[in-house]
Amino acid sequence: WTSQGHCLDPSLREKHSSLSTPFPLLGYGTLFLSIMDMKAMPIFPDDMRSSWNSFAAYAAENLILTHLVFSAIFLSFRVLFIIILKALGFKTEKHIQDIAASCVACIHSTTICVLTYEELATRGWAPFSFSSDFDLASANTRTGIVAMAFTNSYMLQDLLLMLRYSPDELLYIGHHIATMLYMTSCILVGHGDLSVMLCIFLGEVTNPVINTYIITDNLVSAAIFPGVLGRATAGVNYLLALALALVLTAVRVVYAPWGLCWRLVHFFVGDGRAAVIPMALRAVWMVLPIVVVYGSVLFLQGLYADIRAGTTTRVAKDARLARLAKAAPAPAADKRACP
């Protein structure tokens, strides 16, 4: 499209013929509509896509072994990071476990975002429009199944370790269980992997920022870096809190209610192709993302409050609580005589 509103693509000119006018306003409007219709572009080169398909063909046929191998890989990374952290001088078990878990989470989220985006892009996902080509109830592909197994394996080993080292993290434990139920039910029913790909991609794309934020918080709490380095780490943590607020707002609050939640409801309720999936299961699949979005809003409220107060680390929160307790007036003595 030119800035004067002239279409250079005959197919687009025919599709938007009613808006193909020489007036710039309508021309830009038509350009906007064309952008909204654009589908995600695959990123794998042909040889990489072929290798991924070949691997998935074997892994999908041996799902138990695939889960065991992926879980063992994640556990190996966890042990490796624990060894490195202890060698660097970290002493507190909680700091070691939190940082190691966040490092593994970054590896998982980065990898699965690439795999799920590629799956979505090769199967007709248009991020800003509802395309009839994007069938959320289509039969699971082998690459989709293996992507779910990859995340299922990560969630399984992380859940077991949380139950051992962080049993009070009920929100994360509940999230892991709900996610595993979604993916496992999708694998068993044989349809709907695209809905899982969409949930995973939008859920994990913000995780590198979240986990880097958690890592810097633990570095400050562990006081492993003295003086200037420690203050710099706290500053980086604050900047990451700002970045986290931005990306979570964009993905979880602005885009997800329409691009994920409404898309699932629109398809699973109103599209006849969804009938291959039991209605009760579709209801669960529609509710879970809504709960996650609601939980994200609650988390963001606390994060915004911490940013305004300058207390994005646990050390800063503890210091602020100590100042407030010190400044609070002492309770007045009860001068009434005892009966």
C-alpha atoms as a PDB file:
ATOM      1  CA  TRP A   1       0.000   0.000   0.000  1.00  0.00           C
ATOM      2  CA  THR A   2       1.212   3.479  -0.820  1.00  0.00           C
ATOM      3  CA  SER A   3       0.618   6.442   1.468  1.00  0.00           C
ATOM      4  CA  GLN A   4      -1.921   7.698  -1.065  1.00  0.00           C
ATOM      5  CA  GLY A   5      -4.033   4.600  -0.585  1.00  0.00           C
ATOM      6  CA  HIS A   6      -3.151   2.721  -3.788  1.00  0.00           C
ATOM      7  CA  CYS A   7      -2.840  -1.042  -3.485  1.00  0.00           C
ATOM      8  CA  LEU A   8       0.109  -2.695  -5.228  1.00  0.00           C
ATOM      9  CA  ASP A   9      -1.053  -6.278  -4.531  1.00  0.00           C
ATOM     10  CA  PRO A  10      -3.954  -7.385  -6.796  1.00  0.00           C
ATOM     11  CA  SER A  11      -5.259  -9.934  -4.253  1.00  0.00           C
ATOM     12  CA  LEU A  12      -5.362  -7.350  -1.485  1.00  0.00           C
ATOM     13  CA  ARG A  13      -6.887  -4.789  -3.869  1.00  0.00           C
ATOM     14  CA  GLU A  14      -9.739  -7.161  -4.577  1.00  0.00           C
ATOM     15  CA  LYS A  15     -10.199  -8.085  -0.893  1.00  0.00           C
ATOM     16  CA  HIS A  16     -10.355  -4.473   0.236  1.00  0.00           C
ATOM     17  CA  SER A  17     -11.802  -2.940  -2.929  1.00  0.00           C
ATOM     18  CA  SER A  18     -14.358  -0.932  -0.965  1.00  0.00           C
ATOM     19  CA  LEU A  19     -11.548   0.936   0.758  1.00  0.00           C
ATOM     20  CA  SER A  20      -9.170   1.287  -2.181  1.00  0.00           C
ATOM     21  CA  THR A  21      -9.471   5.028  -2.588  1.00  0.00           C
ATOM     22  CA  PRO A  22      -6.884   7.719  -3.245  1.00  0.00           C
ATOM     23  CA  PHE A  23      -7.683   9.357   0.101  1.00  0.00           C
ATOM     24  CA  PRO A  24      -4.749   8.935   2.500  1.00  0.00           C
ATOM     25  CA  LEU A  25      -6.963   8.309   5.553  1.00  0.00           C
ATOM     26  CA  LEU A  26      -8.739   5.382   3.935  1.00  0.00           C
ATOM     27  CA  GLY A  27      -5.466   4.205   2.448  1.00  0.00           C
ATOM     28  CA  TYR A  28      -3.826   4.020   5.848  1.00  0.00           C
ATOM     29  CA  GLY A  29      -6.964   2.381   7.236  1.00  0.00           C
ATOM     30  CA  THR A  30      -6.771  -0.326   4.604  1.00  0.00           C
ATOM     31  CA  LEU A  31      -3.072  -0.781   5.292  1.00  0.00           C
ATOM     32  CA  PHE A  32      -3.960  -1.249   8.972  1.00  0.00           C
ATOM     33  CA  LEU A  33      -6.542  -3.901   8.086  1.00  0.00           C
ATOM     34  CA  SER A  34      -3.993  -5.704   5.945  1.00  0.00           C
ATOM     35  CA  ILE A  35      -1.488  -5.729   8.789  1.00  0.00           C
ATOM     36  CA  MET A  36      -4.167  -7.097  11.135  1.00  0.00           C
ATOM     37  CA  ASP A  37      -4.751  -9.975   8.701  1.00  0.00           C
ATOM     38  CA  MET A  38      -1.073 -10.900   8.545  1.00  0.00           C
ATOM     39  CA  LYS A  39      -0.129 -14.352   9.758  1.00  0.00           C
ATOM     40  CA  ALA A  40       2.906 -15.177  11.849  1.00  0.00           C
ATOM     41  CA  MET A  41       5.962 -16.088   9.777  1.00  0.00           C
ATOM     42  CA  PRO A  42       7.829 -19.355  10.480  1.00  0.00           C
ATOM     43  CA  ILE A  43      11.435 -18.882  11.587  1.00  0.00           C
ATOM     44  CA  PHE A  44      12.972 -22.332  11.082  1.00  0.00           C
ATOM     45  CA  PRO A  45      15.050 -22.870   7.931  1.00  0.00           C
ATOM     46  CA  ASP A  46      13.905 -25.847   5.854  1.00  0.00           C
ATOM     47  CA  ASP A  47      16.699 -28.156   7.050  1.00  0.00           C
ATOM     48  CA  MET A  48      16.033 -27.299  10.712  1.00  0.00           C
ATOM     49  CA  ARG A  49      12.309 -27.843  10.236  1.00  0.00           C
ATOM     50  CA  SER A  50      13.027 -31.228   8.642  1.00  0.00           C
ATOM     51  CA  SER A  51      15.292 -32.256  11.530  1.00  0.00           C
ATOM     52  CA  TRP A  52      12.683 -31.137  14.087  1.00  0.00           C
ATOM     53  CA  ASN A  53       9.989 -33.147  12.295  1.00  0.00           C
ATOM     54  CA  SER A  54      12.209 -36.238  12.202  1.00  0.00           C
ATOM     55  CA  PHE A  55      13.004 -35.990  15.898  1.00  0.00           C
ATOM     56  CA  ALA A  56       9.345 -35.390  16.776  1.00  0.00           C
ATOM     57  CA  ALA A  57       8.263 -38.421  14.728  1.00  0.00           C
ATOM     58  CA  TYR A  58      10.318 -40.672  17.002  1.00  0.00           C
ATOM     59  CA  ALA A  59       9.738 -38.802  20.276  1.00  0.00           C
ATOM     60  CA  ALA A  60       5.944 -38.682  19.844  1.00  0.00           C
ATOM     61  CA  GLU A  61       5.830 -42.453  19.449  1.00  0.00           C
ATOM     62  CA  ASN A  62       7.799 -42.959  22.673  1.00  0.00           C
ATOM     63  CA  LEU A  63       6.219 -40.401  24.987  1.00  0.00           C
ATOM     64  CA  ILE A  64       7.132 -42.052  28.284  1.00  0.00           C
ATOM     65  CA  LEU A  65      10.795 -42.227  27.295  1.00  0.00           C
ATOM     66  CA  THR A  66      10.597 -38.659  25.948  1.00  0.00           C
ATOM     67  CA  HIS A  67       9.248 -37.375  29.262  1.00  0.00           C
ATOM     68  CA  LEU A  68      11.932 -39.220  31.211  1.00  0.00           C
ATOM     69  CA  VAL A  69      14.753 -37.924  29.000  1.00  0.00           C
ATOM     70  CA  PHE A  70      13.540 -34.315  29.066  1.00  0.00           C
ATOM     71  CA  SER A  71      13.051 -34.451  32.855  1.00  0.00           C
ATOM     72  CA  ALA A  72      16.550 -35.874  33.296  1.00  0.00           C
ATOM     73  CA  ILE A  73      17.991 -33.063  31.171  1.00  0.00           C
ATOM     74  CA  PHE A  74      16.260 -30.384  33.244  1.00  0.00           C
ATOM     75  CA  LEU A  75      17.363 -32.046  36.492  1.00  0.00           C
ATOM     76  CA  SER A  76      20.936 -32.202  35.179  1.00  0.00           C
ATOM     77  CA  PHE A  77      20.873 -28.480  34.484  1.00  0.00           C
ATOM     78  CA  ARG A  78      19.498 -27.868  37.983  1.00  0.00           C
ATOM     79  CA  VAL A  79      22.329 -29.875  39.581  1.00  0.00           C
ATOM     80  CA  LEU A  80      24.914 -28.116  37.387  1.00  0.00           C
ATOM     81  CA  PHE A  81      23.711 -24.665  38.428  1.00  0.00           C
ATOM     82  CA  ILE A  82      23.668 -25.706  42.103  1.00  0.00           C
ATOM     83  CA  ILE A  83      27.296 -26.856  41.850  1.00  0.00           C
ATOM     84  CA  ILE A  84      28.284 -23.576  40.167  1.00  0.00           C
ATOM     85  CA  LEU A  85      26.492 -21.460  42.774  1.00  0.00           C
ATOM     86  CA  LYS A  86      28.103 -23.304  45.673  1.00  0.00           C
ATOM     87  CA  ALA A  87      31.499 -22.871  44.016  1.00  0.00           C
ATOM     88  CA  LEU A  88      30.821 -19.128  43.761  1.00  0.00           C
ATOM     89  CA  GLY A  89      30.284 -18.948  47.516  1.00  0.00           C
ATOM     90  CA  PHE A  90      26.520 -19.057  47.972  1.00  0.00           C
ATOM     91  CA  LYS A  91      25.662 -20.517  51.369  1.00  0.00           C
ATOM     92  CA  THR A  92      21.910 -20.264  51.913  1.00  0.00           C
ATOM     93  CA  GLU A  93      19.965 -23.212  50.513  1.00  0.00           C
ATOM     94  CA  LYS A  94      16.961 -21.086  49.544  1.00  0.00           C
ATOM     95  CA  HIS A  95      19.070 -18.676  47.493  1.00  0.00           C
ATOM     96  CA  ILE A  96      20.829 -21.558  45.774  1.00  0.00           C
ATOM     97  CA  GLN A  97      17.601 -23.380  44.933  1.00  0.00           C
ATOM     98  CA  ASP A  98      15.774 -20.225  43.783  1.00  0.00           C
ATOM     99  CA  ILE A  99      18.571 -19.069  41.489  1.00  0.00           C
ATOM    100  CA  ALA A 100      19.156 -22.566  40.068  1.00  0.00           C
ATOM    101  CA  ALA A 101      15.427 -23.002  39.444  1.00  0.00           C
ATOM    102  CA  SER A 102      15.224 -19.628  37.690  1.00  0.00           C
ATOM    103  CA  CYS A 103      18.207 -20.445  35.456  1.00  0.00           C
ATOM    104  CA  VAL A 104      16.564 -23.718  34.379  1.00  0.00           C
ATOM    105  CA  ALA A 105      13.265 -21.878  33.867  1.00  0.00           C
ATOM    106  CA  CYS A 106      15.009 -19.427  31.515  1.00  0.00           C
ATOM    107  CA  ILE A 107      16.366 -22.328  29.448  1.00  0.00           C
ATOM    108  CA  HIS A 108      12.928 -23.928  29.275  1.00  0.00           C
ATOM    109  CA  SER A 109      11.009 -20.755  28.470  1.00  0.00           C
ATOM    110  CA  THR A 110      13.414 -19.599  25.753  1.00  0.00           C
ATOM    111  CA  THR A 111      13.386 -22.995  24.044  1.00  0.00           C
ATOM    112  CA  ILE A 112       9.643 -23.602  24.256  1.00  0.00           C
ATOM    113  CA  CYS A 113       8.825 -20.099  23.005  1.00  0.00           C
ATOM    114  CA  VAL A 114      10.753 -20.860  19.827  1.00  0.00           C
ATOM    115  CA  LEU A 115       9.086 -24.268  19.401  1.00  0.00           C
ATOM    116  CA  THR A 116       5.538 -23.069  20.088  1.00  0.00           C
ATOM    117  CA  TYR A 117       5.890 -19.970  17.912  1.00  0.00           C
ATOM    118  CA  GLU A 118       7.123 -22.129  15.037  1.00  0.00           C
ATOM    119  CA  GLU A 119       4.194 -24.509  15.524  1.00  0.00           C
ATOM    120  CA  LEU A 120       1.695 -21.651  15.580  1.00  0.00           C
ATOM    121  CA  ALA A 121       3.246 -19.941  12.577  1.00  0.00           C
ATOM    122  CA  THR A 122       3.307 -23.044  10.395  1.00  0.00           C
ATOM    123  CA  ARG A 123      -0.368 -23.731  11.142  1.00  0.00           C
ATOM    124  CA  GLY A 124      -1.900 -20.389  10.263  1.00  0.00           C
ATOM    125  CA  TRP A 125      -1.830 -18.243  13.404  1.00  0.00           C
ATOM    126  CA  ALA A 126      -2.756 -14.613  12.774  1.00  0.00           C
ATOM    127  CA  PRO A 127      -1.991 -12.783  16.061  1.00  0.00           C
ATOM    128  CA  PHE A 128      -4.412  -9.924  15.432  1.00  0.00           C
ATOM    129  CA  SER A 129      -7.326 -11.587  13.658  1.00  0.00           C
ATOM    130  CA  PHE A 130      -9.460 -14.722  13.896  1.00  0.00           C
ATOM    131  CA  SER A 131      -8.651 -16.765  10.804  1.00  0.00           C
ATOM    132  CA  SER A 132     -10.839 -19.732   9.839  1.00  0.00           C
ATOM    133  CA  ASP A 133      -7.633 -21.536   8.822  1.00  0.00           C
ATOM    134  CA  PHE A 134      -6.514 -21.592  12.449  1.00  0.00           C
ATOM    135  CA  ASP A 135      -8.353 -24.645  13.752  1.00  0.00           C
ATOM    136  CA  LEU A 136      -7.931 -24.863  17.519  1.00  0.00           C
ATOM    137  CA  ALA A 137      -9.548 -28.319  17.540  1.00  0.00           C
ATOM    138  CA  SER A 138      -7.381 -29.828  14.809  1.00  0.00           C
ATOM    139  CA  ALA A 139      -5.660 -33.152  15.410  1.00  0.00           C
ATOM    140  CA  ASN A 140      -2.445 -32.962  17.394  1.00  0.00           C
ATOM    141  CA  THR A 141       0.719 -32.954  15.301  1.00  0.00           C
ATOM    142  CA  ARG A 142       3.830 -34.841  16.333  1.00  0.00           C
ATOM    143  CA  THR A 143       5.760 -31.602  16.778  1.00  0.00           C
ATOM    144  CA  GLY A 144       2.914 -30.218  18.912  1.00  0.00           C
ATOM    145  CA  ILE A 145       2.875 -33.353  21.061  1.00  0.00           C
ATOM    146  CA  VAL A 146       6.640 -33.222  21.645  1.00  0.00           C
ATOM    147  CA  ALA A 147       6.474 -29.515  22.500  1.00  0.00           C
ATOM    148  CA  MET A 148       3.835 -30.356  25.126  1.00  0.00           C
ATOM    149  CA  ALA A 149       6.001 -33.222  26.419  1.00  0.00           C
ATOM    150  CA  PHE A 150       8.935 -30.808  26.722  1.00  0.00           C
ATOM    151  CA  THR A 151       6.955 -28.432  28.942  1.00  0.00           C
ATOM    152  CA  ASN A 152       5.223 -31.270  30.805  1.00  0.00           C
ATOM    153  CA  SER A 153       8.629 -32.706  31.723  1.00  0.00           C
ATOM    154  CA  TYR A 154       9.886 -29.357  32.945  1.00  0.00           C
ATOM    155  CA  MET A 155       6.745 -28.788  35.019  1.00  0.00           C
ATOM    156  CA  LEU A 156       6.953 -32.273  36.537  1.00  0.00           C
ATOM    157  CA  GLN A 157      10.530 -32.022  37.792  1.00  0.00           C
ATOM    158  CA  ASP A 158      10.053 -28.421  38.921  1.00  0.00           C
ATOM    159  CA  LEU A 159       6.885 -29.380  40.810  1.00  0.00           C
ATOM    160  CA  LEU A 160       8.648 -32.210  42.648  1.00  0.00           C
ATOM    161  CA  LEU A 161      11.516 -29.914  43.619  1.00  0.00           C
ATOM    162  CA  MET A 162       9.107 -27.197  44.780  1.00  0.00           C
ATOM    163  CA  LEU A 163       7.310 -29.692  46.996  1.00  0.00           C
ATOM    164  CA  ARG A 164      10.705 -30.519  48.501  1.00  0.00           C
ATOM    165  CA  TYR A 165      12.251 -27.049  48.869  1.00  0.00           C
ATOM    166  CA  SER A 166       9.364 -24.521  48.571  1.00  0.00           C
ATOM    167  CA  PRO A 167       6.157 -26.202  49.764  1.00  0.00           C
ATOM    168  CA  ASP A 168       4.716 -22.798  50.713  1.00  0.00           C
ATOM    169  CA  GLU A 169       4.685 -21.617  47.053  1.00  0.00           C
ATOM    170  CA  LEU A 170       1.071 -22.684  46.634  1.00  0.00           C
ATOM    171  CA  LEU A 171       0.394 -20.380  43.678  1.00  0.00           C
ATOM    172  CA  TYR A 172       3.228 -21.872  41.618  1.00  0.00           C
ATOM    173  CA  ILE A 173       2.342 -25.411  42.672  1.00  0.00           C
ATOM    174  CA  GLY A 174      -1.276 -24.901  41.605  1.00  0.00           C
ATOM    175  CA  HIS A 175      -0.140 -23.347  38.323  1.00  0.00           C
ATOM    176  CA  HIS A 176       2.099 -26.323  37.523  1.00  0.00           C
ATOM    177  CA  ILE A 177      -0.633 -28.858  38.305  1.00  0.00           C
ATOM    178  CA  ALA A 178      -3.221 -27.001  36.195  1.00  0.00           C
ATOM    179  CA  THR A 179      -0.776 -26.669  33.288  1.00  0.00           C
ATOM    180  CA  MET A 180       0.113 -30.358  33.376  1.00  0.00           C
ATOM    181  CA  LEU A 181      -3.578 -31.342  33.449  1.00  0.00           C
ATOM    182  CA  TYR A 182      -4.275 -29.139  30.410  1.00  0.00           C
ATOM    183  CA  MET A 183      -1.410 -30.609  28.379  1.00  0.00           C
ATOM    184  CA  THR A 184      -1.969 -34.212  29.450  1.00  0.00           C
ATOM    185  CA  SER A 185      -5.692 -34.071  28.655  1.00  0.00           C
ATOM    186  CA  CYS A 186      -4.895 -32.586  25.252  1.00  0.00           C
ATOM    187  CA  ILE A 187      -2.455 -35.399  24.481  1.00  0.00           C
ATOM    188  CA  LEU A 188      -4.978 -38.036  25.576  1.00  0.00           C
ATOM    189  CA  VAL A 189      -7.918 -36.600  23.615  1.00  0.00           C
ATOM    190  CA  GLY A 190      -5.763 -36.244  20.479  1.00  0.00           C
ATOM    191  CA  HIS A 191      -7.023 -32.769  19.525  1.00  0.00           C
ATOM    192  CA  GLY A 192      -6.464 -29.155  20.545  1.00  0.00           C
ATOM    193  CA  ASP A 193      -2.681 -28.855  20.652  1.00  0.00           C
ATOM    194  CA  LEU A 194      -2.871 -25.412  19.005  1.00  0.00           C
ATOM    195  CA  SER A 195      -4.766 -24.076  22.018  1.00  0.00           C
ATOM    196  CA  VAL A 196      -1.964 -25.391  24.233  1.00  0.00           C
ATOM    197  CA  MET A 197       0.695 -23.873  21.946  1.00  0.00           C
ATOM    198  CA  LEU A 198      -1.011 -20.500  22.225  1.00  0.00           C
ATOM    199  CA  CYS A 199      -1.257 -20.725  26.027  1.00  0.00           C
ATOM    200  CA  ILE A 200       2.351 -21.838  26.399  1.00  0.00           C
ATOM    201  CA  PHE A 201       3.742 -19.193  24.058  1.00  0.00           C
ATOM    202  CA  LEU A 202       1.902 -16.300  25.695  1.00  0.00           C
ATOM    203  CA  GLY A 203       2.619 -17.686  29.157  1.00  0.00           C
ATOM    204  CA  GLU A 204       6.332 -18.327  28.657  1.00  0.00           C
ATOM    205  CA  VAL A 205       7.319 -15.341  26.504  1.00  0.00           C
ATOM    206  CA  THR A 206       7.532 -13.141  29.622  1.00  0.00           C
ATOM    207  CA  ASN A 207       9.320 -15.734  31.756  1.00  0.00           C
ATOM    208  CA  PRO A 208      12.936 -14.801  30.944  1.00  0.00           C
ATOM    209  CA  VAL A 209      12.235 -11.336  32.391  1.00  0.00           C
ATOM    210  CA  ILE A 210      10.419 -12.780  35.422  1.00  0.00           C
ATOM    211  CA  ASN A 211      13.173 -15.243  36.234  1.00  0.00           C
ATOM    212  CA  THR A 212      15.988 -12.738  35.711  1.00  0.00           C
ATOM    213  CA  TYR A 213      14.114 -10.464  38.116  1.00  0.00           C
ATOM    214  CA  ILE A 214      13.968 -13.326  40.661  1.00  0.00           C
ATOM    215  CA  ILE A 215      17.678 -14.054  40.190  1.00  0.00           C
ATOM    216  CA  THR A 216      18.698 -10.438  40.904  1.00  0.00           C
ATOM    217  CA  ASP A 217      16.427 -10.383  43.964  1.00  0.00           C
ATOM    218  CA  ASN A 218      18.219 -13.441  45.338  1.00  0.00           C
ATOM    219  CA  LEU A 219      21.627 -11.971  44.517  1.00  0.00           C
ATOM    220  CA  VAL A 220      20.772  -8.894  46.578  1.00  0.00           C
ATOM    221  CA  SER A 221      19.407 -11.006  49.443  1.00  0.00           C
ATOM    222  CA  ALA A 222      22.453 -13.278  49.445  1.00  0.00           C
ATOM    223  CA  ALA A 223      24.755 -10.200  49.658  1.00  0.00           C
ATOM    224  CA  ILE A 224      27.234 -12.035  47.478  1.00  0.00           C
ATOM    225  CA  PHE A 225      28.371  -8.810  45.812  1.00  0.00           C
ATOM    226  CA  PRO A 226      29.751  -6.155  48.189  1.00  0.00           C
ATOM    227  CA  GLY A 227      29.635  -2.382  47.883  1.00  0.00           C
ATOM    228  CA  VAL A 228      29.105  -0.905  44.446  1.00  0.00           C
ATOM    229  CA  LEU A 229      28.327  -4.253  42.818  1.00  0.00           C
ATOM    230  CA  GLY A 230      25.597  -4.926  45.348  1.00  0.00           C
ATOM    231  CA  ARG A 231      23.990  -1.530  44.754  1.00  0.00           C
ATOM    232  CA  ALA A 232      24.295  -2.050  40.993  1.00  0.00           C
ATOM    233  CA  THR A 233      22.542  -5.406  41.314  1.00  0.00           C
ATOM    234  CA  ALA A 234      19.694  -3.742  43.227  1.00  0.00           C
ATOM    235  CA  GLY A 235      19.488  -1.118  40.470  1.00  0.00           C
ATOM    236  CA  VAL A 236      19.307  -3.803  37.797  1.00  0.00           C
ATOM    237  CA  ASN A 237      16.559  -5.504  39.804  1.00  0.00           C
ATOM    238  CA  TYR A 238      14.541  -2.267  39.811  1.00  0.00           C
ATOM    239  CA  LEU A 239      14.969  -1.867  36.034  1.00  0.00           C
ATOM    240  CA  LEU A 240      13.877  -5.479  35.560  1.00  0.00           C
ATOM    241  CA  ALA A 241      10.802  -4.779  37.692  1.00  0.00           C
ATOM    242  CA  LEU A 242       9.921  -1.930  35.327  1.00  0.00           C
ATOM    243  CA  ALA A 243      10.492  -4.182  32.298  1.00  0.00           C
ATOM    244  CA  LEU A 244       8.438  -6.950  33.899  1.00  0.00           C
ATOM    245  CA  ALA A 245       5.549  -4.578  34.589  1.00  0.00           C
ATOM    246  CA  LEU A 246       5.671  -3.443  30.962  1.00  0.00           C
ATOM    247  CA  VAL A 247       5.757  -6.882  29.323  1.00  0.00           C
ATOM    248  CA  LEU A 248       3.214  -8.429  31.686  1.00  0.00           C
ATOM    249  CA  THR A 249       0.831  -5.537  31.099  1.00  0.00           C
ATOM    250  CA  ALA A 250       1.259  -5.813  27.332  1.00  0.00           C
ATOM    251  CA  VAL A 251       0.939  -9.605  27.121  1.00  0.00           C
ATOM    252  CA  ARG A 252      -1.280 -10.630  30.061  1.00  0.00           C
ATOM    253  CA  VAL A 253      -3.531  -7.571  30.473  1.00  0.00           C
ATOM    254  CA  VAL A 254      -3.764  -5.966  27.009  1.00  0.00           C
ATOM    255  CA  TYR A 255      -3.393  -8.871  24.553  1.00  0.00           C
ATOM    256  CA  ALA A 256      -4.326 -12.111  26.375  1.00  0.00           C
ATOM    257  CA  PRO A 257      -7.959 -11.286  27.275  1.00  0.00           C
ATOM    258  CA  TRP A 258      -8.751 -10.909  23.562  1.00  0.00           C
ATOM    259  CA  GLY A 259      -5.967 -12.793  21.793  1.00  0.00           C
ATOM    260  CA  LEU A 260      -6.149 -15.854  24.052  1.00  0.00           C
ATOM    261  CA  CYS A 261      -9.209 -15.964  26.333  1.00  0.00           C
ATOM    262  CA  TRP A 262     -11.792 -14.640  23.891  1.00  0.00           C
ATOM    263  CA  ARG A 263     -10.227 -16.570  21.009  1.00  0.00           C
ATOM    264  CA  LEU A 264     -10.661 -19.832  22.937  1.00  0.00           C
ATOM    265  CA  VAL A 265     -14.234 -19.010  23.990  1.00  0.00           C
ATOM    266  CA  HIS A 266     -15.141 -17.843  20.476  1.00  0.00           C
ATOM    267  CA  PHE A 267     -13.892 -21.084  18.936  1.00  0.00           C
ATOM    268  CA  PHE A 268     -14.768 -23.700  21.562  1.00  0.00           C
ATOM    269  CA  VAL A 269     -18.327 -22.395  21.963  1.00  0.00           C
ATOM    270  CA  GLY A 270     -19.180 -21.098  18.515  1.00  0.00           C
ATOM    271  CA  ASP A 271     -17.268 -23.268  16.036  1.00  0.00           C
ATOM    272  CA  GLY A 272     -18.671 -26.659  15.095  1.00  0.00           C
ATOM    273  CA  ARG A 273     -15.207 -28.117  14.597  1.00  0.00           C
ATOM    274  CA  ALA A 274     -14.726 -27.971  18.385  1.00  0.00           C
ATOM    275  CA  ALA A 275     -17.226 -30.834  18.837  1.00  0.00           C
ATOM    276  CA  VAL A 276     -14.397 -33.391  18.584  1.00  0.00           C
ATOM    277  CA  ILE A 277     -13.365 -32.260  22.089  1.00  0.00           C
ATOM    278  CA  PRO A 278     -15.770 -33.048  24.981  1.00  0.00           C
ATOM    279  CA  MET A 279     -17.621 -29.955  26.166  1.00  0.00           C
ATOM    280  CA  ALA A 280     -16.558 -30.431  29.796  1.00  0.00           C
ATOM    281  CA  LEU A 281     -12.917 -30.461  28.731  1.00  0.00           C
ATOM    282  CA  ARG A 282     -13.398 -27.401  26.551  1.00  0.00           C
ATOM    283  CA  ALA A 283     -14.931 -25.608  29.548  1.00  0.00           C
ATOM    284  CA  VAL A 284     -11.837 -26.355  31.644  1.00  0.00           C
ATOM    285  CA  TRP A 285      -9.561 -25.205  28.823  1.00  0.00           C
ATOM    286  CA  MET A 286     -11.482 -21.923  28.565  1.00  0.00           C
ATOM    287  CA  VAL A 287     -11.496 -21.245  32.305  1.00  0.00           C
ATOM    288  CA  LEU A 288      -7.814 -21.890  33.065  1.00  0.00           C
ATOM    289  CA  PRO A 289      -6.385 -19.024  30.929  1.00  0.00           C
ATOM    290  CA  ILE A 290      -8.954 -16.635  32.431  1.00  0.00           C
ATOM    291  CA  VAL A 291      -7.781 -17.600  35.928  1.00  0.00           C
ATOM    292  CA  VAL A 292      -4.156 -17.021  34.882  1.00  0.00           C
ATOM    293  CA  VAL A 293      -4.984 -13.572  33.489  1.00  0.00           C
ATOM    294  CA  TYR A 294      -6.802 -12.677  36.712  1.00  0.00           C
ATOM    295  CA  GLY A 295      -3.842 -13.879  38.772  1.00  0.00           C
ATOM    296  CA  SER A 296      -1.518 -11.781  36.590  1.00  0.00           C
ATOM    297  CA  VAL A 297      -3.595  -8.671  37.300  1.00  0.00           C
ATOM    298  CA  LEU A 298      -3.306  -9.300  41.051  1.00  0.00           C
ATOM    299  CA  PHE A 299       0.449  -9.847  40.729  1.00  0.00           C
ATOM    300  CA  LEU A 300       0.819  -6.632  38.730  1.00  0.00           C
ATOM    301  CA  GLN A 301      -0.997  -4.640  41.389  1.00  0.00           C
ATOM    302  CA  GLY A 302       1.600  -5.717  43.938  1.00  0.00           C
ATOM    303  CA  LEU A 303       4.454  -5.148  41.475  1.00  0.00           C
ATOM    304  CA  TYR A 304       3.305  -1.597  40.675  1.00  0.00           C
ATOM    305  CA  ALA A 305       3.080  -0.866  44.409  1.00  0.00           C
ATOM    306  CA  ASP A 306       6.644  -2.166  44.929  1.00  0.00           C
ATOM    307  CA  ILE A 307       7.932  -0.068  42.029  1.00  0.00           C
ATOM    308  CA  ARG A 308       6.334   3.099  43.421  1.00  0.00           C
ATOM    309  CA  ALA A 309       7.729   2.373  46.900  1.00  0.00           C
ATOM    310  CA  GLY A 310      11.171   1.381  45.571  1.00  0.00           C
ATOM    311  CA  THR A 311      10.916  -2.000  47.286  1.00  0.00           C
ATOM    312  CA  THR A 312      11.340  -4.496  44.451  1.00  0.00           C
ATOM    313  CA  THR A 313      13.763  -6.683  46.439  1.00  0.00           C
ATOM    314  CA  ARG A 314      13.110  -8.609  49.636  1.00  0.00           C
ATOM    315  CA  VAL A 315      15.912  -6.663  51.323  1.00  0.00           C
ATOM    316  CA  ALA A 316      14.219  -3.356  50.455  1.00  0.00           C
ATOM    317  CA  LYS A 317      10.839  -4.669  51.650  1.00  0.00           C
ATOM    318  CA  ASP A 318      12.307  -5.808  54.987  1.00  0.00           C
ATOM    319  CA  ALA A 319      14.068  -2.467  55.456  1.00  0.00           C
ATOM    320  CA  ARG A 320      10.861  -0.552  54.747  1.00  0.00           C
ATOM    321  CA  LEU A 321       8.873  -2.681  57.207  1.00  0.00           C
ATOM    322  CA  ALA A 322      11.556  -2.109  59.838  1.00  0.00           C
ATOM    323  CA  ARG A 323      11.377   1.676  59.288  1.00  0.00           C
ATOM    324  CA  LEU A 324       7.589   1.643  59.527  1.00  0.00           C
ATOM    325  CA  ALA A 325       7.688  -0.404  62.729  1.00  0.00           C
ATOM    326  CA  LYS A 326      10.248   1.960  64.248  1.00  0.00           C
ATOM    327  CA  ALA A 327       8.215   5.038  63.290  1.00  0.00           C
ATOM    328  CA  ALA A 328       4.927   3.646  64.617  1.00  0.00           C
ATOM    329  CA  PRO A 329       3.899   5.178  67.960  1.00  0.00           C
ATOM    330  CA  ALA A 330       4.011   2.899  70.988  1.00  0.00           C
ATOM    331  CA  PRO A 331       0.575   1.807  72.260  1.00  0.00           C
ATOM    332  CA  ALA A 332      -0.707   3.908  75.151  1.00  0.00           C
ATOM    333  CA  ALA A 333      -0.561   2.250  78.565  1.00  0.00           C
ATOM    334  CA  ASP A 334      -3.863   1.272  80.112  1.00  0.00           C
ATOM    335  CA  LYS A 335      -4.121   3.434  83.273  1.00  0.00           C
ATOM    336  CA  ARG A 336      -7.276   1.799  84.541  1.00  0.00           C
ATOM    337  CA  ALA A 337      -6.890   0.106  87.897  1.00  0.00           C
ATOM    338  CA  CYS A 338      -7.180  -3.619  87.946  1.00  0.00           C
ATOM    339  CA  PRO A 339     -10.433  -4.789  89.515  1.00  0.00           C
END
